[in-house]
N, C-alpha and C. Protein backbone atom coordinates (compact mmCIF):
# COMPACT_ATOMS: atom_id res chain seq x y z
N MET A 1 0.76 -1.20 0.06
CA MET A 1 0.10 -0.07 0.04
C MET A 1 0.96 1.27 -0.08
N SER A 2 0.57 2.05 -0.80
CA SER A 2 1.43 3.31 -0.97
C SER A 2 0.88 4.59 0.06
N MET A 3 1.83 5.07 0.40
CA MET A 3 1.51 6.33 1.36
C MET A 3 1.32 7.60 0.55
N SER A 4 0.37 8.47 0.79
CA SER A 4 0.10 9.73 -0.04
C SER A 4 1.09 10.97 0.29
N ASP A 5 1.58 10.82 1.78
CA ASP A 5 2.34 11.95 2.20
C ASP A 5 3.23 11.48 3.32
N PRO A 6 4.46 10.83 2.94
CA PRO A 6 5.46 10.27 3.96
C PRO A 6 5.97 11.43 4.76
N VAL A 7 6.02 12.49 4.45
CA VAL A 7 6.58 13.64 5.24
C VAL A 7 5.67 13.85 6.39
N ALA A 8 4.41 13.85 6.20
CA ALA A 8 3.35 14.09 7.17
C ALA A 8 3.48 12.86 8.07
N ASP A 9 3.74 11.73 7.70
CA ASP A 9 3.51 10.58 8.39
C ASP A 9 4.84 10.72 9.27
N PHE A 10 5.88 11.08 8.88
CA PHE A 10 7.21 11.24 9.63
C PHE A 10 7.07 12.21 10.93
N LEU A 11 6.42 13.45 10.60
CA LEU A 11 6.25 14.51 11.42
C LEU A 11 5.19 14.00 12.53
N THR A 12 4.30 13.14 12.11
CA THR A 12 3.27 12.60 13.00
C THR A 12 3.87 11.46 13.97
N ARG A 13 4.80 10.76 13.55
CA ARG A 13 5.59 9.87 14.30
C ARG A 13 6.37 10.47 15.46
N ILE A 14 7.01 11.83 14.95
CA ILE A 14 7.64 12.42 16.14
C ILE A 14 6.70 13.01 17.05
N ARG A 15 5.60 13.61 16.77
CA ARG A 15 4.60 14.13 17.52
C ARG A 15 4.23 13.11 18.46
N ASN A 16 3.76 11.94 17.91
CA ASN A 16 3.30 10.80 18.77
C ASN A 16 4.15 10.38 19.85
N ALA A 17 5.61 10.30 19.50
CA ALA A 17 6.61 9.89 20.26
C ALA A 17 6.77 10.77 21.39
N ILE A 18 6.39 12.15 21.09
CA ILE A 18 6.46 13.18 22.18
C ILE A 18 5.56 13.26 23.01
N GLN A 19 4.36 12.87 22.72
CA GLN A 19 3.03 12.76 23.53
C GLN A 19 3.15 11.50 24.47
N ALA A 20 3.80 10.57 23.83
CA ALA A 20 4.02 9.07 24.73
C ALA A 20 5.30 9.20 25.48
N ARG A 21 6.10 10.34 25.29
CA ARG A 21 7.34 10.30 26.16
C ARG A 21 8.38 9.28 25.72
N ARG A 22 8.27 8.92 24.41
CA ARG A 22 9.23 7.78 23.94
C ARG A 22 10.62 8.56 23.63
N PRO A 23 11.77 7.71 23.81
CA PRO A 23 13.22 8.35 23.46
C PRO A 23 13.55 8.25 22.08
N ALA A 24 12.85 7.62 21.25
CA ALA A 24 13.19 7.52 19.86
C ALA A 24 12.18 7.09 18.98
N ILE A 25 12.19 7.40 17.61
CA ILE A 25 11.17 6.82 16.79
C ILE A 25 11.94 6.00 15.71
N ASP A 26 11.18 5.17 14.91
CA ASP A 26 11.45 4.43 13.76
C ASP A 26 10.75 4.62 12.76
N CYS A 27 11.03 4.76 11.49
CA CYS A 27 10.27 4.98 10.43
C CYS A 27 10.99 4.57 9.22
N PRO A 28 10.04 4.30 8.12
CA PRO A 28 10.69 3.92 6.86
C PRO A 28 11.66 4.98 6.26
N ARG A 29 12.78 4.55 5.70
CA ARG A 29 13.69 5.53 5.15
C ARG A 29 13.48 6.12 3.82
N SER A 30 13.89 7.51 3.65
CA SER A 30 13.92 8.06 2.35
C SER A 30 14.93 9.24 2.41
N ASN A 31 15.32 9.55 1.31
CA ASN A 31 16.48 10.71 1.42
C ASN A 31 15.90 11.90 2.02
N LEU A 32 14.45 12.37 1.64
CA LEU A 32 13.82 13.45 2.17
C LEU A 32 13.74 13.59 3.58
N LYS A 33 13.53 12.17 4.30
CA LYS A 33 13.27 12.21 5.76
C LYS A 33 14.68 12.18 6.37
N VAL A 34 15.52 11.50 5.78
CA VAL A 34 17.03 11.52 6.36
C VAL A 34 17.41 13.20 6.37
N ARG A 35 17.18 13.71 5.29
CA ARG A 35 17.55 15.41 5.26
C ARG A 35 16.88 16.11 6.29
N ILE A 36 15.53 15.91 6.51
CA ILE A 36 14.76 16.66 7.33
C ILE A 36 15.33 16.25 8.94
N ALA A 37 15.65 14.94 9.30
CA ALA A 37 16.17 14.68 10.45
C ALA A 37 17.49 15.18 10.73
N GLU A 38 18.39 15.32 9.53
CA GLU A 38 19.77 15.88 9.78
C GLU A 38 19.65 17.45 10.03
N ILE A 39 18.70 18.06 9.40
CA ILE A 39 18.39 19.61 9.71
C ILE A 39 17.79 19.78 11.11
N LEU A 40 17.01 18.59 11.71
CA LEU A 40 16.52 18.81 13.13
C LEU A 40 17.69 18.47 14.15
N ARG A 41 18.61 17.81 13.67
CA ARG A 41 19.92 17.41 14.53
C ARG A 41 20.63 18.68 14.54
N GLU A 42 21.01 19.25 13.37
CA GLU A 42 21.86 20.43 13.26
C GLU A 42 21.19 21.69 14.04
N GLU A 43 19.93 21.71 14.24
CA GLU A 43 19.34 23.01 14.95
C GLU A 43 19.03 22.54 16.25
N GLY A 44 19.52 21.53 16.65
CA GLY A 44 19.37 20.99 18.26
C GLY A 44 17.83 20.45 18.81
N PHE A 45 17.18 20.11 17.60
CA PHE A 45 15.89 19.58 18.21
C PHE A 45 15.90 18.21 18.43
N VAL A 46 16.80 17.19 17.85
CA VAL A 46 16.85 16.02 18.15
C VAL A 46 18.23 15.77 18.44
N ASP A 47 18.57 14.46 19.27
CA ASP A 47 19.98 14.27 19.58
C ASP A 47 20.91 13.34 18.48
N GLY A 48 20.14 12.61 17.91
CA GLY A 48 20.99 11.73 16.83
C GLY A 48 19.95 11.14 15.96
N LEU A 49 20.69 10.44 14.86
CA LEU A 49 19.89 9.55 14.00
C LEU A 49 20.65 8.58 13.50
N SER A 50 20.16 7.58 13.03
CA SER A 50 20.83 6.20 12.55
C SER A 50 19.98 5.48 11.38
N GLU A 51 20.86 5.10 10.54
CA GLU A 51 20.14 4.25 9.44
C GLU A 51 20.29 2.92 9.63
N ALA A 52 19.47 1.89 9.32
CA ALA A 52 19.69 0.40 9.06
C ALA A 52 19.18 0.04 7.81
N SER A 53 19.58 -1.01 7.42
CA SER A 53 19.12 -1.40 6.00
C SER A 53 18.18 -2.75 6.46
N ASP A 54 17.24 -2.75 5.80
CA ASP A 54 16.46 -4.07 5.86
C ASP A 54 16.17 -4.46 4.33
N GLU A 55 15.14 -5.49 4.12
CA GLU A 55 14.86 -6.07 2.89
C GLU A 55 14.05 -4.93 1.88
N ARG A 56 13.60 -4.13 2.40
CA ARG A 56 12.98 -3.02 1.64
C ARG A 56 13.51 -1.83 1.42
N GLN A 57 13.16 -0.77 1.97
CA GLN A 57 13.88 0.51 1.80
C GLN A 57 14.84 1.15 2.93
N GLY A 58 14.79 0.48 4.02
CA GLY A 58 15.66 0.76 5.05
C GLY A 58 14.88 1.40 6.12
N LYS A 59 15.31 1.67 7.30
CA LYS A 59 14.84 2.12 8.49
C LYS A 59 15.63 3.27 8.93
N LEU A 60 14.93 4.48 9.29
CA LEU A 60 15.49 5.60 9.94
C LEU A 60 15.11 5.56 11.36
N SER A 61 16.03 5.74 12.38
CA SER A 61 15.74 5.86 13.73
C SER A 61 16.32 7.41 14.18
N VAL A 62 15.42 8.00 14.89
CA VAL A 62 15.72 9.26 15.23
C VAL A 62 15.61 9.34 16.83
N ASN A 63 16.51 9.63 17.46
CA ASN A 63 16.59 10.03 18.87
C ASN A 63 16.29 11.30 19.45
N LEU A 64 15.15 11.46 20.23
CA LEU A 64 14.63 12.77 20.36
C LEU A 64 15.48 13.36 21.59
N ARG A 65 15.39 14.69 21.71
CA ARG A 65 16.05 15.25 22.81
C ARG A 65 15.27 15.67 23.99
N TRP A 66 15.41 15.38 25.14
CA TRP A 66 14.68 15.48 26.33
C TRP A 66 15.58 16.19 27.21
N ASN A 67 14.92 17.07 28.08
CA ASN A 67 15.50 17.79 29.31
C ASN A 67 14.60 17.87 30.38
N HIS A 68 14.75 18.55 31.40
CA HIS A 68 13.96 18.37 32.66
C HIS A 68 12.60 19.21 32.33
N ASP A 69 12.46 20.05 31.37
CA ASP A 69 11.38 20.76 30.95
C ASP A 69 10.47 19.93 30.02
N GLY A 70 11.09 19.07 29.32
CA GLY A 70 10.43 18.24 28.33
C GLY A 70 11.07 18.20 27.17
N ASN A 71 10.49 18.00 26.03
CA ASN A 71 11.06 17.77 24.62
C ASN A 71 11.59 19.21 24.10
N ALA A 72 12.70 19.11 23.19
CA ALA A 72 13.18 20.10 22.61
C ALA A 72 12.19 20.67 21.57
N ILE A 73 11.32 19.75 21.00
CA ILE A 73 10.29 20.10 20.01
C ILE A 73 9.00 20.52 20.94
N HIS A 74 8.63 21.95 20.80
CA HIS A 74 7.41 22.10 21.30
C HIS A 74 6.18 21.99 20.35
N GLY A 75 6.55 22.19 18.83
CA GLY A 75 5.55 22.27 17.93
C GLY A 75 5.99 21.63 16.43
N LEU A 76 5.36 21.10 15.80
CA LEU A 76 5.51 20.70 14.42
C LEU A 76 4.22 20.80 13.49
N ARG A 77 4.47 21.37 12.43
CA ARG A 77 3.40 21.71 11.62
C ARG A 77 3.73 21.40 10.03
N ARG A 78 2.83 20.60 9.43
CA ARG A 78 3.11 20.40 7.88
C ARG A 78 2.51 21.46 7.26
N VAL A 79 3.27 22.24 6.44
CA VAL A 79 2.74 23.39 5.70
C VAL A 79 2.31 23.02 4.23
N SER A 80 3.19 22.58 3.43
CA SER A 80 2.77 22.32 2.25
C SER A 80 2.24 20.92 2.16
N ARG A 81 1.19 20.45 1.70
CA ARG A 81 0.41 19.35 1.63
C ARG A 81 0.44 18.75 0.20
N PRO A 82 0.19 17.45 -0.12
CA PRO A 82 -0.05 17.18 -1.50
C PRO A 82 -1.24 17.79 -1.94
N GLY A 83 -2.21 17.97 -1.43
CA GLY A 83 -3.31 18.74 -1.99
C GLY A 83 -3.40 20.29 -2.17
N GLN A 84 -2.34 20.81 -1.31
CA GLN A 84 -2.25 22.27 -1.37
C GLN A 84 -0.76 22.48 -1.30
N ARG A 85 -0.06 22.64 -2.27
CA ARG A 85 1.37 23.18 -2.21
C ARG A 85 1.61 24.54 -1.93
N TRP A 86 2.75 24.81 -1.02
CA TRP A 86 2.84 26.09 -0.83
C TRP A 86 4.29 26.51 -1.30
N TYR A 87 4.54 27.37 -2.31
CA TYR A 87 5.65 27.88 -2.69
C TYR A 87 5.79 29.15 -2.42
N VAL A 88 7.14 29.54 -2.02
CA VAL A 88 7.44 30.99 -1.84
C VAL A 88 8.74 31.47 -2.32
N GLY A 89 8.84 32.75 -2.73
CA GLY A 89 9.88 33.28 -3.27
C GLY A 89 11.08 33.42 -1.96
N ALA A 90 12.22 33.83 -2.42
CA ALA A 90 13.22 34.25 -1.49
C ALA A 90 12.93 35.37 -0.42
N ASN A 91 12.23 36.21 -0.99
CA ASN A 91 11.74 37.27 -0.22
C ASN A 91 10.63 37.17 0.80
N ALA A 92 9.89 35.99 0.36
CA ALA A 92 8.75 35.81 1.21
C ALA A 92 8.73 34.65 2.12
N LEU A 93 10.04 34.29 2.47
CA LEU A 93 10.18 33.12 3.18
C LEU A 93 9.64 33.36 4.83
N PRO A 94 8.98 32.35 5.33
CA PRO A 94 8.25 32.74 6.67
C PRO A 94 9.23 32.63 7.91
N LYS A 95 9.12 33.63 8.91
CA LYS A 95 9.69 33.56 10.07
C LYS A 95 8.95 32.80 11.13
N VAL A 96 9.44 31.67 11.50
CA VAL A 96 8.69 30.93 12.40
C VAL A 96 8.75 31.34 13.86
N ARG A 97 7.83 31.79 14.75
CA ARG A 97 7.75 32.33 16.03
C ARG A 97 8.91 33.38 16.14
N ASN A 98 8.92 34.41 15.06
CA ASN A 98 9.82 35.69 15.16
C ASN A 98 11.12 35.16 15.18
N GLY A 99 11.80 33.82 14.56
CA GLY A 99 12.84 33.38 14.44
C GLY A 99 13.33 32.29 15.69
N LEU A 100 12.36 31.97 16.45
CA LEU A 100 12.84 31.08 17.48
C LEU A 100 12.53 29.70 16.93
N GLY A 101 11.78 29.49 15.95
CA GLY A 101 11.56 28.28 15.22
C GLY A 101 12.32 28.16 13.83
N ILE A 102 12.10 27.07 13.15
CA ILE A 102 12.78 26.99 11.72
C ILE A 102 11.49 26.60 10.74
N ALA A 103 11.56 26.95 9.60
CA ALA A 103 10.99 26.39 8.51
C ALA A 103 11.89 25.65 7.73
N ILE A 104 11.41 24.40 7.28
CA ILE A 104 12.18 23.49 6.32
C ILE A 104 11.77 23.72 5.08
N VAL A 105 12.72 24.07 4.18
CA VAL A 105 12.36 24.53 2.67
C VAL A 105 12.96 23.69 1.68
N SER A 106 12.33 23.03 0.64
CA SER A 106 12.87 22.28 -0.26
C SER A 106 13.15 23.15 -1.31
N THR A 107 14.35 23.57 -1.82
CA THR A 107 14.77 24.38 -2.85
C THR A 107 15.42 23.77 -4.02
N SER A 108 15.76 24.56 -4.92
CA SER A 108 16.48 23.75 -6.08
C SER A 108 17.90 23.47 -5.68
N LYS A 109 18.52 24.07 -4.61
CA LYS A 109 19.93 23.75 -4.04
C LYS A 109 19.72 22.84 -2.91
N GLY A 110 18.55 22.06 -2.75
CA GLY A 110 18.46 21.03 -1.77
C GLY A 110 17.53 21.39 -0.70
N VAL A 111 17.34 20.56 0.34
CA VAL A 111 16.30 20.88 1.56
C VAL A 111 17.31 21.54 2.51
N MET A 112 16.79 22.75 3.21
CA MET A 112 17.47 23.49 4.07
C MET A 112 16.48 24.18 4.91
N THR A 113 17.08 25.19 5.88
CA THR A 113 16.22 25.82 6.67
C THR A 113 15.80 27.23 6.03
N ASP A 114 15.01 27.88 6.67
CA ASP A 114 14.66 29.22 6.03
C ASP A 114 15.52 30.20 6.12
N ARG A 115 16.58 30.16 7.19
CA ARG A 115 17.71 30.92 7.27
C ARG A 115 18.59 30.73 6.22
N GLN A 116 19.18 29.45 5.98
CA GLN A 116 19.88 29.23 4.79
C GLN A 116 19.24 29.76 3.54
N ALA A 117 18.18 29.50 3.29
CA ALA A 117 17.56 29.77 1.94
C ALA A 117 17.60 31.27 1.87
N ARG A 118 17.31 32.04 2.93
CA ARG A 118 17.45 33.53 2.68
C ARG A 118 18.85 34.11 2.55
N LYS A 119 19.79 33.35 3.23
CA LYS A 119 21.18 33.77 2.87
C LYS A 119 21.52 33.39 1.43
N LEU A 120 21.17 32.31 0.97
CA LEU A 120 21.55 32.06 -0.50
C LEU A 120 20.56 32.71 -1.58
N GLY A 121 19.56 33.35 -1.24
CA GLY A 121 18.66 33.98 -2.03
C GLY A 121 17.59 33.13 -2.85
N VAL A 122 17.24 31.94 -2.40
CA VAL A 122 16.49 31.03 -3.07
C VAL A 122 15.15 30.83 -2.27
N GLY A 123 14.14 30.46 -3.07
CA GLY A 123 12.82 30.18 -2.53
C GLY A 123 12.55 28.84 -2.83
N GLY A 124 11.47 28.12 -2.42
CA GLY A 124 10.89 26.98 -2.81
C GLY A 124 9.75 26.28 -2.10
N GLU A 125 9.65 25.17 -1.83
CA GLU A 125 8.33 24.81 -1.16
C GLU A 125 8.77 24.61 0.35
N VAL A 126 7.89 25.11 1.13
CA VAL A 126 7.85 25.02 2.43
C VAL A 126 7.31 23.81 2.93
N LEU A 127 7.92 22.92 3.49
CA LEU A 127 7.78 21.54 3.68
C LEU A 127 7.11 21.51 5.15
N CYS A 128 7.96 22.11 6.31
CA CYS A 128 7.04 22.25 7.44
C CYS A 128 7.66 23.34 8.32
N GLU A 129 7.18 23.43 9.60
CA GLU A 129 7.72 24.43 10.69
C GLU A 129 7.95 23.71 11.90
N VAL A 130 8.86 24.12 12.42
CA VAL A 130 9.25 23.33 13.88
C VAL A 130 9.59 24.41 14.74
N TRP A 131 9.12 24.40 16.00
CA TRP A 131 9.47 25.26 17.03
C TRP A 131 9.74 24.68 18.38
């Protein structure tokens, strides 16, 4: 059975793990999910990630970052969906929570944060927002 929105499934798995206070999640691997997880690690939202191979497409494990106040991720929101894509130019990239969060953008130069896209002067599809 095919999945219509694997990025939304990935974000929902993270959201559900936070609600259930789980230390890590496992999900099917794709290059886009790996890049999103790497961005979350670079920005300090998750501790680490690892990839394992299986007979299908592989497995991606993401370790969530916890502290005494709770999880480092306070909110996740899928912005561009398969039924309603959201493309923005370089001058219209959103600022999430006045710069306290990040927007993950798929550009012609790869998947990156809104800050990196603004610095390079490229726009693209806004995949999700994290704060």
